[in-house]
């Protein structure tokens, strides 16, 4: 990947509105287009108490009720990703290196999330 292309992609990754665009697709019921590659996480705002949303890339899914997303102990998962997706890994590593000022020894923390069924709250 040429340096100019990496620079353009790095700018795209820094674009807040573009990175948040998948939230609108999920909220419109179109999250299926991402298959299990992405997931939308709903959480509660710390100060506001309001629901907040973020779309995260799923690195792997050890079983149907767990996903691993980019955020502690990345080495094993990224090694697996590199084996399963060698062409994508080559491009991803080049991009991540460019985002870390050309340093190839960066760390990407990963987090394992256990999914639970959606619950409905009854009004009393």
PDB file of N, CA and C in Angstrom:
ATOM      1  N   UNK A   1       0.854  -1.171   0.000  1.00  0.00           N
ATOM      2  CA  UNK A   1       0.000   0.000   0.000  1.00  0.00           C
ATOM      3  C   UNK A   1       0.897   1.230   0.000  1.00  0.00           C
ATOM      4  N   UNK A   2       0.618   2.147  -0.886  1.00  0.00           N
ATOM      5  CA  UNK A   2       1.450   3.333  -0.988  1.00  0.00           C
ATOM      6  C   UNK A   2       1.220   4.262   0.195  1.00  0.00           C
ATOM      7  N   UNK A   3       2.228   5.086   0.480  1.00  0.00           N
ATOM      8  CA  UNK A   3       2.182   6.004   1.625  1.00  0.00           C
ATOM      9  C   UNK A   3       1.006   6.966   1.514  1.00  0.00           C
ATOM     10  N   UNK A   4       0.717   7.469   0.305  1.00  0.00           N
ATOM     11  CA  UNK A   4      -0.391   8.410   0.128  1.00  0.00           C
ATOM     12  C   UNK A   4      -1.735   7.754   0.464  1.00  0.00           C
ATOM     13  N   UNK A   5      -1.903   6.503   0.046  1.00  0.00           N
ATOM     14  CA  UNK A   5      -3.130   5.773   0.345  1.00  0.00           C
ATOM     15  C   UNK A   5      -3.264   5.556   1.844  1.00  0.00           C
ATOM     16  N   UNK A   6      -2.159   5.171   2.502  1.00  0.00           N
ATOM     17  CA  UNK A   6      -2.199   4.973   3.957  1.00  0.00           C
ATOM     18  C   UNK A   6      -2.544   6.263   4.670  1.00  0.00           C
ATOM     19  N   UNK A   7      -2.009   7.371   4.193  1.00  0.00           N
ATOM     20  CA  UNK A   7      -2.293   8.671   4.792  1.00  0.00           C
ATOM     21  C   UNK A   7      -3.778   9.002   4.674  1.00  0.00           C
ATOM     22  N   UNK A   8      -4.361   8.727   3.519  1.00  0.00           N
ATOM     23  CA  UNK A   8      -5.789   8.982   3.308  1.00  0.00           C
ATOM     24  C   UNK A   8      -6.635   8.103   4.228  1.00  0.00           C
ATOM     25  N   UNK A   9      -6.283   6.827   4.320  1.00  0.00           N
ATOM     26  CA  UNK A   9      -7.022   5.910   5.188  1.00  0.00           C
ATOM     27  C   UNK A   9      -6.890   6.340   6.641  1.00  0.00           C
ATOM     28  N   UNK A  10      -5.702   6.781   7.047  1.00  0.00           N
ATOM     29  CA  UNK A  10      -5.501   7.245   8.427  1.00  0.00           C
ATOM     30  C   UNK A  10      -6.406   8.435   8.716  1.00  0.00           C
ATOM     31  N   UNK A  11      -6.552   9.354   7.756  1.00  0.00           N
ATOM     32  CA  UNK A  11      -7.448  10.502   7.954  1.00  0.00           C
ATOM     33  C   UNK A  11      -8.898  10.056   8.083  1.00  0.00           C
ATOM     34  N   UNK A  12      -9.286   9.065   7.290  1.00  0.00           N
ATOM     35  CA  UNK A  12     -10.649   8.539   7.371  1.00  0.00           C
ATOM     36  C   UNK A  12     -10.898   7.964   8.760  1.00  0.00           C
ATOM     37  N   UNK A  13      -9.913   7.224   9.291  1.00  0.00           N
ATOM     38  CA  UNK A  13     -10.076   6.621  10.618  1.00  0.00           C
ATOM     39  C   UNK A  13     -10.172   7.671  11.716  1.00  0.00           C
ATOM     40  N   UNK A  14      -9.684   8.870  11.455  1.00  0.00           N
ATOM     41  CA  UNK A  14      -9.769   9.944  12.444  1.00  0.00           C
ATOM     42  C   UNK A  14     -11.041  10.770  12.288  1.00  0.00           C
ATOM     43  N   UNK A  15     -11.860  10.466  11.289  1.00  0.00           N
ATOM     44  CA  UNK A  15     -13.095  11.200  11.029  1.00  0.00           C
ATOM     45  C   UNK A  15     -14.215  10.662  11.911  1.00  0.00           C
ATOM     46  N   UNK A  16     -14.601  11.437  12.906  1.00  0.00           N
ATOM     47  CA  UNK A  16     -15.604  10.995  13.874  1.00  0.00           C
ATOM     48  C   UNK A  16     -16.922  10.619  13.213  1.00  0.00           C
ATOM     49  N   UNK A  17     -17.431  11.460  12.314  1.00  0.00           N
ATOM     50  CA  UNK A  17     -18.746  11.187  11.724  1.00  0.00           C
ATOM     51  C   UNK A  17     -18.734   9.922  10.878  1.00  0.00           C
ATOM     52  N   UNK A  18     -17.630   9.680  10.176  1.00  0.00           N
ATOM     53  CA  UNK A  18     -17.552   8.492   9.341  1.00  0.00           C
ATOM     54  C   UNK A  18     -17.434   7.231  10.197  1.00  0.00           C
ATOM     55  N   UNK A  19     -16.660   7.303  11.261  1.00  0.00           N
ATOM     56  CA  UNK A  19     -16.497   6.145  12.134  1.00  0.00           C
ATOM     57  C   UNK A  19     -17.783   5.830  12.904  1.00  0.00           C
ATOM     58  N   UNK A  20     -18.640   6.841  13.093  1.00  0.00           N
ATOM     59  CA  UNK A  20     -19.897   6.616  13.803  1.00  0.00           C
ATOM     60  C   UNK A  20     -21.055   6.272  12.868  1.00  0.00           C
ATOM     61  N   UNK A  21     -20.823   6.315  11.552  1.00  0.00           N
ATOM     62  CA  UNK A  21     -21.880   6.048  10.570  1.00  0.00           C
ATOM     63  C   UNK A  21     -22.554   4.682  10.746  1.00  0.00           C
ATOM     64  N   UNK A  22     -21.809   3.612  11.086  1.00  0.00           N
ATOM     65  CA  UNK A  22     -22.491   2.317  11.250  1.00  0.00           C
ATOM     66  C   UNK A  22     -23.562   2.318  12.343  1.00  0.00           C
ATOM     67  N   UNK A  23     -23.473   3.222  13.310  1.00  0.00           N
ATOM     68  CA  UNK A  23     -24.491   3.273  14.372  1.00  0.00           C
ATOM     69  C   UNK A  23     -25.858   3.522  13.751  1.00  0.00           C
ATOM     70  N   UNK A  24     -25.936   4.447  12.801  1.00  0.00           N
ATOM     71  CA  UNK A  24     -27.204   4.728  12.127  1.00  0.00           C
ATOM     72  C   UNK A  24     -27.742   3.510  11.401  1.00  0.00           C
ATOM     73  N   UNK A  25     -26.857   2.750  10.779  1.00  0.00           N
ATOM     74  CA  UNK A  25     -27.295   1.537  10.083  1.00  0.00           C
ATOM     75  C   UNK A  25     -27.839   0.506  11.077  1.00  0.00           C
ATOM     76  N   UNK A  26     -27.152   0.326  12.198  1.00  0.00           N
ATOM     77  CA  UNK A  26     -27.635  -0.605  13.222  1.00  0.00           C
ATOM     78  C   UNK A  26     -28.992  -0.152  13.769  1.00  0.00           C
ATOM     79  N   UNK A  27     -29.121   1.121  14.063  1.00  0.00           N
ATOM     80  CA  UNK A  27     -30.376   1.636  14.640  1.00  0.00           C
ATOM     81  C   UNK A  27     -31.521   1.546  13.652  1.00  0.00           C
ATOM     82  N   UNK A  28     -31.210   1.540  12.346  1.00  0.00           N
ATOM     83  CA  UNK A  28     -32.234   1.401  11.311  1.00  0.00           C
ATOM     84  C   UNK A  28     -32.557  -0.075  11.032  1.00  0.00           C
ATOM     85  N   UNK A  29     -31.945  -0.981  11.802  1.00  0.00           N
ATOM     86  CA  UNK A  29     -32.201  -2.404  11.627  1.00  0.00           C
ATOM     87  C   UNK A  29     -31.383  -3.043  10.508  1.00  0.00           C
ATOM     88  N   UNK A  30     -30.314  -2.371  10.083  1.00  0.00           N
ATOM     89  CA  UNK A  30     -29.499  -2.875   8.979  1.00  0.00           C
ATOM     90  C   UNK A  30     -28.146  -3.421   9.428  1.00  0.00           C
ATOM     91  N   UNK A  31     -27.999  -3.709  10.694  1.00  0.00           N
ATOM     92  CA  UNK A  31     -26.729  -4.215  11.215  1.00  0.00           C
ATOM     93  C   UNK A  31     -26.320  -5.540  10.605  1.00  0.00           C
ATOM     94  N   UNK A  32     -27.290  -6.286  10.062  1.00  0.00           N
ATOM     95  CA  UNK A  32     -26.977  -7.575   9.456  1.00  0.00           C
ATOM     96  C   UNK A  32     -26.006  -7.451   8.289  1.00  0.00           C
ATOM     97  N   UNK A  33     -25.920  -6.283   7.666  1.00  0.00           N
ATOM     98  CA  UNK A  33     -25.003  -6.127   6.527  1.00  0.00           C
ATOM     99  C   UNK A  33     -23.542  -6.301   6.947  1.00  0.00           C
ATOM    100  N   UNK A  34     -23.258  -6.131   8.227  1.00  0.00           N
ATOM    101  CA  UNK A  34     -21.900  -6.289   8.724  1.00  0.00           C
ATOM    102  C   UNK A  34     -21.609  -7.714   9.177  1.00  0.00           C
ATOM    103  N   UNK A  35     -22.632  -8.587   9.088  1.00  0.00           N
ATOM    104  CA  UNK A  35     -22.511  -9.970   9.520  1.00  0.00           C
ATOM    105  C   UNK A  35     -22.055  -9.967  10.979  1.00  0.00           C
ATOM    106  N   UNK A  36     -21.074 -10.775  11.344  1.00  0.00           N
ATOM    107  CA  UNK A  36     -20.560 -10.762  12.730  1.00  0.00           C
ATOM    108  C   UNK A  36     -19.212 -10.061  12.781  1.00  0.00           C
ATOM    109  N   UNK A  37     -18.880  -9.306  11.755  1.00  0.00           N
ATOM    110  CA  UNK A  37     -17.606  -8.585  11.676  1.00  0.00           C
ATOM    111  C   UNK A  37     -17.588  -7.376  12.601  1.00  0.00           C
ATOM    112  N   UNK A  38     -18.761  -6.759  12.775  1.00  0.00           N
ATOM    113  CA  UNK A  38     -18.910  -5.603  13.664  1.00  0.00           C
ATOM    114  C   UNK A  38     -20.031  -5.888  14.635  1.00  0.00           C
ATOM    115  N   UNK A  39     -20.020  -5.193  15.748  1.00  0.00           N
ATOM    116  CA  UNK A  39     -21.134  -5.288  16.700  1.00  0.00           C
ATOM    117  C   UNK A  39     -21.384  -3.906  17.291  1.00  0.00           C
ATOM    118  N   UNK A  40     -22.654  -3.619  17.596  1.00  0.00           N
ATOM    119  CA  UNK A  40     -22.970  -2.352  18.246  1.00  0.00           C
ATOM    120  C   UNK A  40     -23.150  -2.625  19.735  1.00  0.00           C
ATOM    121  N   UNK A  41     -22.443  -1.864  20.542  1.00  0.00           N
ATOM    122  CA  UNK A  41     -22.509  -1.991  21.991  1.00  0.00           C
ATOM    123  C   UNK A  41     -23.253  -0.789  22.546  1.00  0.00           C
ATOM    124  N   UNK A  42     -24.275  -1.043  23.334  1.00  0.00           N
ATOM    125  CA  UNK A  42     -25.000   0.033  24.014  1.00  0.00           C
ATOM    126  C   UNK A  42     -24.509   0.095  25.449  1.00  0.00           C
ATOM    127  N   UNK A  43     -24.215   1.296  25.916  1.00  0.00           N
ATOM    128  CA  UNK A  43     -23.791   1.477  27.301  1.00  0.00           C
ATOM    129  C   UNK A  43     -24.444   2.743  27.833  1.00  0.00           C
ATOM    130  N   UNK A  44     -24.281   2.986  29.113  1.00  0.00           N
ATOM    131  CA  UNK A  44     -24.880   4.152  29.752  1.00  0.00           C
ATOM    132  C   UNK A  44     -23.821   5.225  29.940  1.00  0.00           C
ATOM    133  N   UNK A  45     -24.151   6.450  29.515  1.00  0.00           N
ATOM    134  CA  UNK A  45     -23.225   7.570  29.669  1.00  0.00           C
ATOM    135  C   UNK A  45     -22.914   7.813  31.129  1.00  0.00           C
ATOM    136  N   UNK A  46     -21.658   8.018  31.431  1.00  0.00           N
ATOM    137  CA  UNK A  46     -21.189   8.187  32.805  1.00  0.00           C
ATOM    138  C   UNK A  46     -21.833   9.394  33.494  1.00  0.00           C
ATOM    139  N   UNK A  47     -21.811  10.523  32.840  1.00  0.00           N
ATOM    140  CA  UNK A  47     -22.353  11.742  33.443  1.00  0.00           C
ATOM    141  C   UNK A  47     -23.836  11.905  33.183  1.00  0.00           C
ATOM    142  N   UNK A  48     -24.256  11.642  31.950  1.00  0.00           N
ATOM    143  CA  UNK A  48     -25.643  11.903  31.563  1.00  0.00           C
ATOM    144  C   UNK A  48     -26.602  10.806  31.976  1.00  0.00           C
ATOM    145  N   UNK A  49     -26.108   9.578  32.069  1.00  0.00           N
ATOM    146  CA  UNK A  49     -26.993   8.449  32.343  1.00  0.00           C
ATOM    147  C   UNK A  49     -27.796   8.040  31.114  1.00  0.00           C
ATOM    148  N   UNK A  50     -27.550   8.694  29.991  1.00  0.00           N
ATOM    149  CA  UNK A  50     -28.266   8.412  28.742  1.00  0.00           C
ATOM    150  C   UNK A  50     -27.622   7.225  28.025  1.00  0.00           C
ATOM    151  N   UNK A  51     -28.423   6.498  27.236  1.00  0.00           N
ATOM    152  CA  UNK A  51     -27.833   5.406  26.453  1.00  0.00           C
ATOM    153  C   UNK A  51     -26.869   5.952  25.405  1.00  0.00           C
ATOM    154  N   UNK A  52     -25.740   5.285  25.248  1.00  0.00           N
ATOM    155  CA  UNK A  52     -24.726   5.642  24.261  1.00  0.00           C
ATOM    156  C   UNK A  52     -24.427   4.397  23.439  1.00  0.00           C
ATOM    157  N   UNK A  53     -23.945   4.612  22.223  1.00  0.00           N
ATOM    158  CA  UNK A  53     -23.695   3.502  21.322  1.00  0.00           C
ATOM    159  C   UNK A  53     -22.308   3.620  20.711  1.00  0.00           C
ATOM    160  N   UNK A  54     -21.696   2.479  20.461  1.00  0.00           N
ATOM    161  CA  UNK A  54     -20.413   2.430  19.769  1.00  0.00           C
ATOM    162  C   UNK A  54     -20.406   1.140  18.950  1.00  0.00           C
ATOM    163  N   UNK A  55     -19.861   1.210  17.737  1.00  0.00           N
ATOM    164  CA  UNK A  55     -19.720   0.028  16.899  1.00  0.00           C
ATOM    165  C   UNK A  55     -18.262  -0.402  16.959  1.00  0.00           C
ATOM    166  N   UNK A  56     -18.049  -1.682  17.235  1.00  0.00           N
ATOM    167  CA  UNK A  56     -16.710  -2.234  17.447  1.00  0.00           C
ATOM    168  C   UNK A  56     -16.440  -3.359  16.454  1.00  0.00           C
ATOM    169  N   UNK A  57     -15.183  -3.501  16.056  1.00  0.00           N
ATOM    170  CA  UNK A  57     -14.826  -4.608  15.171  1.00  0.00           C
ATOM    171  C   UNK A  57     -14.597  -5.862  15.995  1.00  0.00           C
ATOM    172  N   UNK A  58     -15.191  -6.949  15.557  1.00  0.00           N
ATOM    173  CA  UNK A  58     -15.024  -8.239  16.210  1.00  0.00           C
ATOM    174  C   UNK A  58     -13.805  -8.911  15.594  1.00  0.00           C
ATOM    175  N   UNK A  59     -12.805  -9.194  16.427  1.00  0.00           N
ATOM    176  CA  UNK A  59     -11.580  -9.833  15.957  1.00  0.00           C
ATOM    177  C   UNK A  59     -11.806 -11.329  15.795  1.00  0.00           C
ATOM    178  N   UNK A  60     -12.477 -11.931  16.766  1.00  0.00           N
ATOM    179  CA  UNK A  60     -12.791 -13.359  16.710  1.00  0.00           C
ATOM    180  C   UNK A  60     -13.983 -13.621  17.621  1.00  0.00           C
ATOM    181  N   UNK A  61     -14.549 -14.810  17.474  1.00  0.00           N
ATOM    182  CA  UNK A  61     -15.671 -15.221  18.303  1.00  0.00           C
ATOM    183  C   UNK A  61     -15.402 -16.649  18.760  1.00  0.00           C
ATOM    184  N   UNK A  62     -14.846 -16.811  19.996  1.00  0.00           N
ATOM    185  CA  UNK A  62     -14.485 -18.148  20.476  1.00  0.00           C
ATOM    186  C   UNK A  62     -15.671 -19.109  20.532  1.00  0.00           C
ATOM    187  N   UNK A  63     -16.872 -18.567  20.759  1.00  0.00           N
ATOM    188  CA  UNK A  63     -18.088 -19.363  20.748  1.00  0.00           C
ATOM    189  C   UNK A  63     -19.253 -18.405  20.453  1.00  0.00           C
ATOM    190  N   UNK A  64     -20.461 -18.923  20.223  1.00  0.00           N
ATOM    191  CA  UNK A  64     -21.573 -18.051  19.828  1.00  0.00           C
ATOM    192  C   UNK A  64     -21.947 -16.969  20.850  1.00  0.00           C
ATOM    193  N   UNK A  65     -21.574 -17.149  22.112  1.00  0.00           N
ATOM    194  CA  UNK A  65     -21.944 -16.182  23.145  1.00  0.00           C
ATOM    195  C   UNK A  65     -20.810 -15.249  23.549  1.00  0.00           C
ATOM    196  N   UNK A  66     -19.685 -15.305  22.845  1.00  0.00           N
ATOM    197  CA  UNK A  66     -18.550 -14.442  23.175  1.00  0.00           C
ATOM    198  C   UNK A  66     -17.973 -13.826  21.913  1.00  0.00           C
ATOM    199  N   UNK A  67     -17.514 -12.591  22.070  1.00  0.00           N
ATOM    200  CA  UNK A  67     -16.786 -11.936  20.992  1.00  0.00           C
ATOM    201  C   UNK A  67     -15.546 -11.304  21.597  1.00  0.00           C
ATOM    202  N   UNK A  68     -14.508 -11.180  20.788  1.00  0.00           N
ATOM    203  CA  UNK A  68     -13.291 -10.502  21.205  1.00  0.00           C
ATOM    204  C   UNK A  68     -13.171  -9.269  20.325  1.00  0.00           C
ATOM    205  N   UNK A  69     -13.057  -8.111  20.982  1.00  0.00           N
ATOM    206  CA  UNK A  69     -12.966  -6.856  20.252  1.00  0.00           C
ATOM    207  C   UNK A  69     -11.627  -6.196  20.549  1.00  0.00           C
ATOM    208  N   UNK A  70     -11.221  -5.294  19.648  1.00  0.00           N
ATOM    209  CA  UNK A  70      -9.962  -4.595  19.856  1.00  0.00           C
ATOM    210  C   UNK A  70     -10.043  -3.782  21.137  1.00  0.00           C
ATOM    211  N   UNK A  71      -9.192  -4.057  22.099  1.00  0.00           N
ATOM    212  CA  UNK A  71      -9.013  -3.238  23.292  1.00  0.00           C
ATOM    213  C   UNK A  71      -8.173  -3.881  24.349  1.00  0.00           C
ATOM    214  N   UNK A  72      -7.060  -5.727  25.209  1.00  0.00           N
ATOM    215  CA  UNK A  72      -6.012  -6.151  26.113  1.00  0.00           C
ATOM    216  C   UNK A  72      -5.575  -7.535  25.734  1.00  0.00           C
ATOM    217  N   UNK A  73      -4.301  -7.813  25.846  1.00  0.00           N
ATOM    218  CA  UNK A  73      -3.692  -9.098  25.544  1.00  0.00           C
ATOM    219  C   UNK A  73      -3.967  -9.512  24.101  1.00  0.00           C
ATOM    220  N   UNK A  74      -3.531  -8.715  23.166  1.00  0.00           N
ATOM    221  CA  UNK A  74      -3.857  -8.897  21.758  1.00  0.00           C
ATOM    222  C   UNK A  74      -3.030  -9.942  21.043  1.00  0.00           C
ATOM    223  N   UNK A  75      -1.886 -10.277  21.539  1.00  0.00           N
ATOM    224  CA  UNK A  75      -0.913 -11.059  20.781  1.00  0.00           C
ATOM    225  C   UNK A  75      -1.485 -12.358  20.205  1.00  0.00           C
ATOM    226  N   UNK A  76      -2.108 -13.172  21.018  1.00  0.00           N
ATOM    227  CA  UNK A  76      -2.614 -14.468  20.546  1.00  0.00           C
ATOM    228  C   UNK A  76      -3.731 -14.298  19.523  1.00  0.00           C
ATOM    229  N   UNK A  77      -4.626 -13.364  19.784  1.00  0.00           N
ATOM    230  CA  UNK A  77      -5.739 -13.169  18.866  1.00  0.00           C
ATOM    231  C   UNK A  77      -5.268 -12.594  17.532  1.00  0.00           C
ATOM    232  N   UNK A  78      -4.346 -11.654  17.589  1.00  0.00           N
ATOM    233  CA  UNK A  78      -3.849 -11.068  16.347  1.00  0.00           C
ATOM    234  C   UNK A  78      -3.022 -12.076  15.552  1.00  0.00           C
ATOM    235  N   UNK A  79      -2.312 -12.951  16.244  1.00  0.00           N
ATOM    236  CA  UNK A  79      -1.569 -14.004  15.550  1.00  0.00           C
ATOM    237  C   UNK A  79      -2.547 -14.924  14.820  1.00  0.00           C
ATOM    238  N   UNK A  80      -3.648 -15.256  15.463  1.00  0.00           N
ATOM    239  CA  UNK A  80      -4.687 -16.077  14.840  1.00  0.00           C
ATOM    240  C   UNK A  80      -5.296 -15.344  13.645  1.00  0.00           C
ATOM    241  N   UNK A  81      -5.575 -14.061  13.812  1.00  0.00           N
ATOM    242  CA  UNK A  81      -6.135 -13.240  12.735  1.00  0.00           C
ATOM    243  C   UNK A  81      -5.176 -13.207  11.551  1.00  0.00           C
ATOM    244  N   UNK A  82      -3.888 -13.083  11.843  1.00  0.00           N
ATOM    245  CA  UNK A  82      -2.867 -13.043  10.793  1.00  0.00           C
ATOM    246  C   UNK A  82      -2.860 -14.339   9.985  1.00  0.00           C
ATOM    247  N   UNK A  83      -3.047 -15.468  10.651  1.00  0.00           N
ATOM    248  CA  UNK A  83      -3.076 -16.764   9.972  1.00  0.00           C
ATOM    249  C   UNK A  83      -4.356 -16.913   9.152  1.00  0.00           C
ATOM    250  N   UNK A  84      -5.489 -16.524   9.728  1.00  0.00           N
ATOM    251  CA  UNK A  84      -6.776 -16.692   9.052  1.00  0.00           C
ATOM    252  C   UNK A  84      -6.987 -15.714   7.903  1.00  0.00           C
ATOM    253  N   UNK A  85      -6.432 -14.518   8.013  1.00  0.00           N
ATOM    254  CA  UNK A  85      -6.649 -13.472   7.006  1.00  0.00           C
ATOM    255  C   UNK A  85      -5.312 -12.833   6.602  1.00  0.00           C
ATOM    256  N   UNK A  86      -4.408 -13.573   5.967  1.00  0.00           N
ATOM    257  CA  UNK A  86      -3.062 -13.045   5.699  1.00  0.00           C
ATOM    258  C   UNK A  86      -3.037 -11.802   4.813  1.00  0.00           C
ATOM    259  N   UNK A  87      -3.867 -11.755   3.782  1.00  0.00           N
ATOM    260  CA  UNK A  87      -3.852 -10.576   2.902  1.00  0.00           C
ATOM    261  C   UNK A  87      -4.387  -9.350   3.633  1.00  0.00           C
ATOM    262  N   UNK A  88      -5.478  -9.515   4.361  1.00  0.00           N
ATOM    263  CA  UNK A  88      -6.042  -8.395   5.115  1.00  0.00           C
ATOM    264  C   UNK A  88      -5.067  -7.949   6.198  1.00  0.00           C
ATOM    265  N   UNK A  89      -4.413  -8.918   6.847  1.00  0.00           N
ATOM    266  CA  UNK A  89      -3.460  -8.589   7.904  1.00  0.00           C
ATOM    267  C   UNK A  89      -2.329  -7.720   7.376  1.00  0.00           C
ATOM    268  N   UNK A  90      -1.842  -8.019   6.179  1.00  0.00           N
ATOM    269  CA  UNK A  90      -0.751  -7.246   5.601  1.00  0.00           C
ATOM    270  C   UNK A  90      -1.158  -5.770   5.464  1.00  0.00           C
ATOM    271  N   UNK A  91      -2.344  -5.528   4.969  1.00  0.00           N
ATOM    272  CA  UNK A  91      -2.845  -4.157   4.805  1.00  0.00           C
ATOM    273  C   UNK A  91      -3.136  -3.514   6.156  1.00  0.00           C
ATOM    274  N   UNK A  92      -3.747  -4.285   7.055  1.00  0.00           N
ATOM    275  CA  UNK A  92      -4.089  -3.759   8.381  1.00  0.00           C
ATOM    276  C   UNK A  92      -2.836  -3.381   9.157  1.00  0.00           C
ATOM    277  N   UNK A  93      -1.821  -4.238   9.104  1.00  0.00           N
ATOM    278  CA  UNK A  93      -0.587  -3.945   9.829  1.00  0.00           C
ATOM    279  C   UNK A  93       0.084  -2.689   9.276  1.00  0.00           C
ATOM    280  N   UNK A  94       0.082  -2.534   7.958  1.00  0.00           N
ATOM    281  CA  UNK A  94       0.670  -1.331   7.352  1.00  0.00           C
ATOM    282  C   UNK A  94      -0.088  -0.080   7.803  1.00  0.00           C
ATOM    283  N   UNK A  95      -1.404  -0.183   7.831  1.00  0.00           N
ATOM    284  CA  UNK A  95      -2.213   0.955   8.274  1.00  0.00           C
ATOM    285  C   UNK A  95      -1.951   1.274   9.743  1.00  0.00           C
ATOM    286  N   UNK A  96      -1.951   0.250  10.594  1.00  0.00           N
ATOM    287  CA  UNK A  96      -1.737   0.474  12.023  1.00  0.00           C
ATOM    288  C   UNK A  96      -0.343   1.038  12.285  1.00  0.00           C
ATOM    289  N   UNK A  97       0.636   0.564  11.538  1.00  0.00           N
ATOM    290  CA  UNK A  97       1.999   1.087  11.676  1.00  0.00           C
ATOM    291  C   UNK A  97       2.035   2.559  11.303  1.00  0.00           C
ATOM    292  N   UNK A  98       1.335   2.929  10.220  1.00  0.00           N
ATOM    293  CA  UNK A  98       1.320   4.339   9.813  1.00  0.00           C
ATOM    294  C   UNK A  98       0.611   5.205  10.854  1.00  0.00           C
ATOM    295  N   UNK A  99      -0.396   4.658  11.523  1.00  0.00           N
ATOM    296  CA  UNK A  99      -1.108   5.408  12.569  1.00  0.00           C
ATOM    297  C   UNK A  99      -0.269   5.563  13.836  1.00  0.00           C
ATOM    298  N   UNK A 100       0.770   4.741  13.981  1.00  0.00           N
ATOM    299  CA  UNK A 100       1.661   4.800  15.148  1.00  0.00           C
ATOM    300  C   UNK A 100       3.019   5.362  14.755  1.00  0.00           C
ATOM    301  N   UNK A 101       2.996   6.368  13.886  1.00  0.00           N
ATOM    302  CA  UNK A 101       4.207   7.076  13.461  1.00  0.00           C
ATOM    303  C   UNK A 101       5.287   6.146  12.916  1.00  0.00           C
ATOM    304  N   UNK A 102       4.873   5.118  12.186  1.00  0.00           N
ATOM    305  CA  UNK A 102       5.830   4.215  11.556  1.00  0.00           C
ATOM    306  C   UNK A 102       6.415   3.164  12.469  1.00  0.00           C
ATOM    307  N   UNK A 103       5.978   3.120  13.720  1.00  0.00           N
ATOM    308  CA  UNK A 103       6.499   2.121  14.662  1.00  0.00           C
ATOM    309  C   UNK A 103       5.703   0.826  14.522  1.00  0.00           C
ATOM    310  N   UNK A 104       6.391  -0.253  14.227  1.00  0.00           N
ATOM    311  CA  UNK A 104       5.727  -1.540  14.032  1.00  0.00           C
ATOM    312  C   UNK A 104       5.549  -2.306  15.340  1.00  0.00           C
ATOM    313  N   UNK A 105       6.053  -1.793  16.451  1.00  0.00           N
ATOM    314  CA  UNK A 105       5.979  -2.514  17.726  1.00  0.00           C
ATOM    315  C   UNK A 105       4.863  -1.986  18.621  1.00  0.00           C
ATOM    316  N   UNK A 106       3.754  -1.582  18.030  1.00  0.00           N
ATOM    317  CA  UNK A 106       2.604  -1.080  18.786  1.00  0.00           C
ATOM    318  C   UNK A 106       1.825  -2.242  19.402  1.00  0.00           C
ATOM    319  N   UNK A 107       1.004  -1.918  20.378  1.00  0.00           N
ATOM    320  CA  UNK A 107       0.128  -2.921  20.992  1.00  0.00           C
ATOM    321  C   UNK A 107      -1.314  -2.526  20.757  1.00  0.00           C
ATOM    322  N   UNK A 108      -2.148  -3.512  20.499  1.00  0.00           N
ATOM    323  CA  UNK A 108      -3.584  -3.280  20.386  1.00  0.00           C
ATOM    324  C   UNK A 108      -4.248  -4.130  21.454  1.00  0.00           C
ATOM    325  N   UNK A 109      -4.751  -3.491  22.482  1.00  0.00           N
ATOM    326  CA  UNK A 109      -5.425  -4.281  23.511  1.00  0.00           C
ATOM    327  C   UNK A 109      -6.739  -4.855  22.992  1.00  0.00           C
ATOM    328  N   UNK A 110      -7.082  -6.058  23.458  1.00  0.00           N
ATOM    329  CA  UNK A 110      -8.329  -6.714  23.078  1.00  0.00           C
ATOM    330  C   UNK A 110      -9.134  -7.025  24.328  1.00  0.00           C
ATOM    331  N   UNK A 111     -10.449  -7.062  24.177  1.00  0.00           N
ATOM    332  CA  UNK A 111     -11.347  -7.376  25.291  1.00  0.00           C
ATOM    333  C   UNK A 111     -12.297  -8.477  24.844  1.00  0.00           C
ATOM    334  N   UNK A 112     -12.509  -9.458  25.716  1.00  0.00           N
ATOM    335  CA  UNK A 112     -13.491 -10.515  25.448  1.00  0.00           C
ATOM    336  C   UNK A 112     -14.800 -10.114  26.110  1.00  0.00           C
ATOM    337  N   UNK A 113     -15.875 -10.136  25.339  1.00  0.00           N
ATOM    338  CA  UNK A 113     -17.203  -9.759  25.845  1.00  0.00           C
ATOM    339  C   UNK A 113     -18.104 -10.977  25.772  1.00  0.00           C
ATOM    340  N   UNK A 114     -18.782 -11.287  26.879  1.00  0.00           N
ATOM    341  CA  UNK A 114     -19.767 -12.357  26.894  1.00  0.00           C
ATOM    342  C   UNK A 114     -21.127 -11.728  26.625  1.00  0.00           C
ATOM    343  N   UNK A 115     -21.787 -12.211  25.589  1.00  0.00           N
ATOM    344  CA  UNK A 115     -23.076 -11.663  25.201  1.00  0.00           C
ATOM    345  C   UNK A 115     -24.184 -12.275  26.045  1.00  0.00           C
ATOM    346  N   UNK A 116     -25.189 -11.504  26.283  1.00  0.00           N
ATOM    347  CA  UNK A 116     -26.357 -12.021  26.989  1.00  0.00           C
ATOM    348  C   UNK A 116     -27.584 -11.692  26.155  1.00  0.00           C
ATOM    349  N   UNK A 117     -28.633 -12.469  26.311  1.00  0.00           N
ATOM    350  CA  UNK A 117     -29.834 -12.203  25.521  1.00  0.00           C
ATOM    351  C   UNK A 117     -30.407 -10.837  25.884  1.00  0.00           C
ATOM    352  N   UNK A 118     -31.015 -10.192  24.892  1.00  0.00           N
ATOM    353  CA  UNK A 118     -31.647  -8.903  25.138  1.00  0.00           C
ATOM    354  C   UNK A 118     -32.839  -9.140  26.058  1.00  0.00           C
ATOM    355  N   UNK A 119     -32.971  -8.302  27.062  1.00  0.00           N
ATOM    356  CA  UNK A 119     -34.068  -8.424  28.006  1.00  0.00           C
ATOM    357  C   UNK A 119     -35.032  -7.283  27.811  1.00  0.00           C
ATOM    358  N   UNK A 120     -36.288  -7.543  28.076  1.00  0.00           N
ATOM    359  CA  UNK A 120     -37.289  -6.468  28.014  1.00  0.00           C
ATOM    360  C   UNK A 120     -37.663  -6.088  29.424  1.00  0.00           C
ATOM    361  N   UNK A 121     -37.820  -4.816  29.624  1.00  0.00           N
ATOM    362  CA  UNK A 121     -38.192  -4.317  30.957  1.00  0.00           C
ATOM    363  C   UNK A 121     -39.692  -4.142  30.993  1.00  0.00           C
ATOM    364  N   UNK A 122     -40.324  -4.735  32.000  1.00  0.00           N
ATOM    365  CA  UNK A 122     -41.779  -4.590  32.109  1.00  0.00           C
ATOM    366  C   UNK A 122     -42.100  -3.344  32.928  1.00  0.00           C
ATOM    367  N   UNK A 123     -43.169  -2.670  32.519  1.00  0.00           N
ATOM    368  CA  UNK A 123     -43.617  -1.490  33.248  1.00  0.00           C
ATOM    369  C   UNK A 123     -44.626  -1.906  34.290  1.00  0.00           C
ATOM    370  N   UNK A 124     -44.409  -1.464  35.514  1.00  0.00           N
ATOM    371  CA  UNK A 124     -45.334  -1.842  36.584  1.00  0.00           C
ATOM    372  C   UNK A 124     -46.295  -0.728  36.870  1.00  0.00           C
TER     373      UNK A 124
END
